[in-house]
């Protein structure tokens, strides 16, 4: 996880790449959970929150323009 200042310095393309990475990770975590292989279930909610943070920053940047 990156801190908020690092995320704010990223441009739109980098932020979108991060969202895509976290979405892939969330998908894999859900798959692991359903098959009983996931040990750290709290990671799912952390990834979801990170996606929300990035999307919030993206929306703020879009509104600034």
C-alpha atoms as a PDB file:
ATOM      1  CA  UNK A   1       0.000   0.000   0.000  1.00  0.00           C
ATOM      2  CA  UNK A   2       1.195   3.422  -0.844  1.00  0.00           C
ATOM      3  CA  UNK A   3       0.565   6.401   1.326  1.00  0.00           C
ATOM      4  CA  UNK A   4      -1.815   9.119   0.233  1.00  0.00           C
ATOM      5  CA  UNK A   5       0.850  11.622  -0.848  1.00  0.00           C
ATOM      6  CA  UNK A   6       2.501   9.096  -3.157  1.00  0.00           C
ATOM      7  CA  UNK A   7      -0.848   8.301  -4.744  1.00  0.00           C
ATOM      8  CA  UNK A   8      -1.639  11.985  -5.254  1.00  0.00           C
ATOM      9  CA  UNK A   9       1.638  12.490  -7.130  1.00  0.00           C
ATOM     10  CA  UNK A  10       0.809   9.754  -9.642  1.00  0.00           C
ATOM     11  CA  UNK A  11      -0.797  10.629 -12.957  1.00  0.00           C
ATOM     12  CA  UNK A  12      -4.071   9.216 -14.264  1.00  0.00           C
ATOM     13  CA  UNK A  13      -2.484   6.350 -16.216  1.00  0.00           C
ATOM     14  CA  UNK A  14      -0.420   5.161 -13.249  1.00  0.00           C
ATOM     15  CA  UNK A  15      -3.462   5.318 -10.978  1.00  0.00           C
ATOM     16  CA  UNK A  16      -5.511   3.304 -13.457  1.00  0.00           C
ATOM     17  CA  UNK A  17      -2.755   0.673 -13.610  1.00  0.00           C
ATOM     18  CA  UNK A  18      -2.802   0.444  -9.808  1.00  0.00           C
ATOM     19  CA  UNK A  19      -6.586   0.016  -9.791  1.00  0.00           C
ATOM     20  CA  UNK A  20      -6.287  -2.778 -12.350  1.00  0.00           C
ATOM     21  CA  UNK A  21      -3.582  -4.503 -10.291  1.00  0.00           C
ATOM     22  CA  UNK A  22      -5.679  -4.330  -7.132  1.00  0.00           C
ATOM     23  CA  UNK A  23      -8.765  -5.588  -8.974  1.00  0.00           C
ATOM     24  CA  UNK A  24      -6.818  -8.615 -10.217  1.00  0.00           C
ATOM     25  CA  UNK A  25      -5.558  -9.229  -6.696  1.00  0.00           C
ATOM     26  CA  UNK A  26      -9.098  -8.923  -5.287  1.00  0.00           C
ATOM     27  CA  UNK A  27     -10.353 -11.421  -7.863  1.00  0.00           C
ATOM     28  CA  UNK A  28      -7.614 -13.894  -6.953  1.00  0.00           C
ATOM     29  CA  UNK A  29      -8.277 -13.422  -3.237  1.00  0.00           C
ATOM     30  CA  UNK A  30     -11.996 -14.103  -3.686  1.00  0.00           C
ATOM     31  CA  UNK A  31     -11.166 -17.231  -5.674  1.00  0.00           C
ATOM     32  CA  UNK A  32      -8.769 -18.416  -2.975  1.00  0.00           C
ATOM     33  CA  UNK A  33     -11.371 -17.728  -0.291  1.00  0.00           C
ATOM     34  CA  UNK A  34     -14.022 -19.767  -2.064  1.00  0.00           C
ATOM     35  CA  UNK A  35     -11.649 -22.685  -2.510  1.00  0.00           C
ATOM     36  CA  UNK A  36     -10.533 -22.527   1.132  1.00  0.00           C
ATOM     37  CA  UNK A  37      -6.912 -21.636   0.399  1.00  0.00           C
ATOM     38  CA  UNK A  38      -6.926 -18.067   1.737  1.00  0.00           C
ATOM     39  CA  UNK A  39      -5.312 -17.669   5.155  1.00  0.00           C
ATOM     40  CA  UNK A  40      -5.490 -13.876   5.528  1.00  0.00           C
ATOM     41  CA  UNK A  41      -9.138 -13.033   4.852  1.00  0.00           C
ATOM     42  CA  UNK A  42      -8.685  -9.417   5.994  1.00  0.00           C
ATOM     43  CA  UNK A  43      -6.550  -8.782   2.910  1.00  0.00           C
ATOM     44  CA  UNK A  44      -9.745  -8.716   0.801  1.00  0.00           C
ATOM     45  CA  UNK A  45     -11.127  -5.690   2.642  1.00  0.00           C
ATOM     46  CA  UNK A  46      -7.740  -3.945   2.591  1.00  0.00           C
ATOM     47  CA  UNK A  47      -7.541  -4.317  -1.184  1.00  0.00           C
ATOM     48  CA  UNK A  48     -11.101  -3.029  -1.594  1.00  0.00           C
ATOM     49  CA  UNK A  49     -10.290   0.027   0.520  1.00  0.00           C
ATOM     50  CA  UNK A  50      -7.129   0.693  -1.476  1.00  0.00           C
ATOM     51  CA  UNK A  51      -9.149   0.594  -4.722  1.00  0.00           C
ATOM     52  CA  UNK A  52     -11.599   3.084  -3.195  1.00  0.00           C
ATOM     53  CA  UNK A  53      -8.755   5.411  -2.164  1.00  0.00           C
ATOM     54  CA  UNK A  54      -7.269   5.415  -5.638  1.00  0.00           C
ATOM     55  CA  UNK A  55     -10.632   5.965  -7.311  1.00  0.00           C
ATOM     56  CA  UNK A  56     -11.336   8.875  -4.950  1.00  0.00           C
ATOM     57  CA  UNK A  57      -8.043  10.499  -5.905  1.00  0.00           C
ATOM     58  CA  UNK A  58      -8.806   9.932  -9.586  1.00  0.00           C
ATOM     59  CA  UNK A  59     -12.203  11.623  -9.215  1.00  0.00           C
ATOM     60  CA  UNK A  60     -10.679  14.602  -7.384  1.00  0.00           C
ATOM     61  CA  UNK A  61      -8.084  15.037 -10.124  1.00  0.00           C
ATOM     62  CA  UNK A  62     -10.773  14.827 -12.787  1.00  0.00           C
ATOM     63  CA  UNK A  63     -12.879  17.495 -11.056  1.00  0.00           C
ATOM     64  CA  UNK A  64      -9.879  19.830 -10.705  1.00  0.00           C
ATOM     65  CA  UNK A  65      -9.492  20.066 -14.466  1.00  0.00           C
END
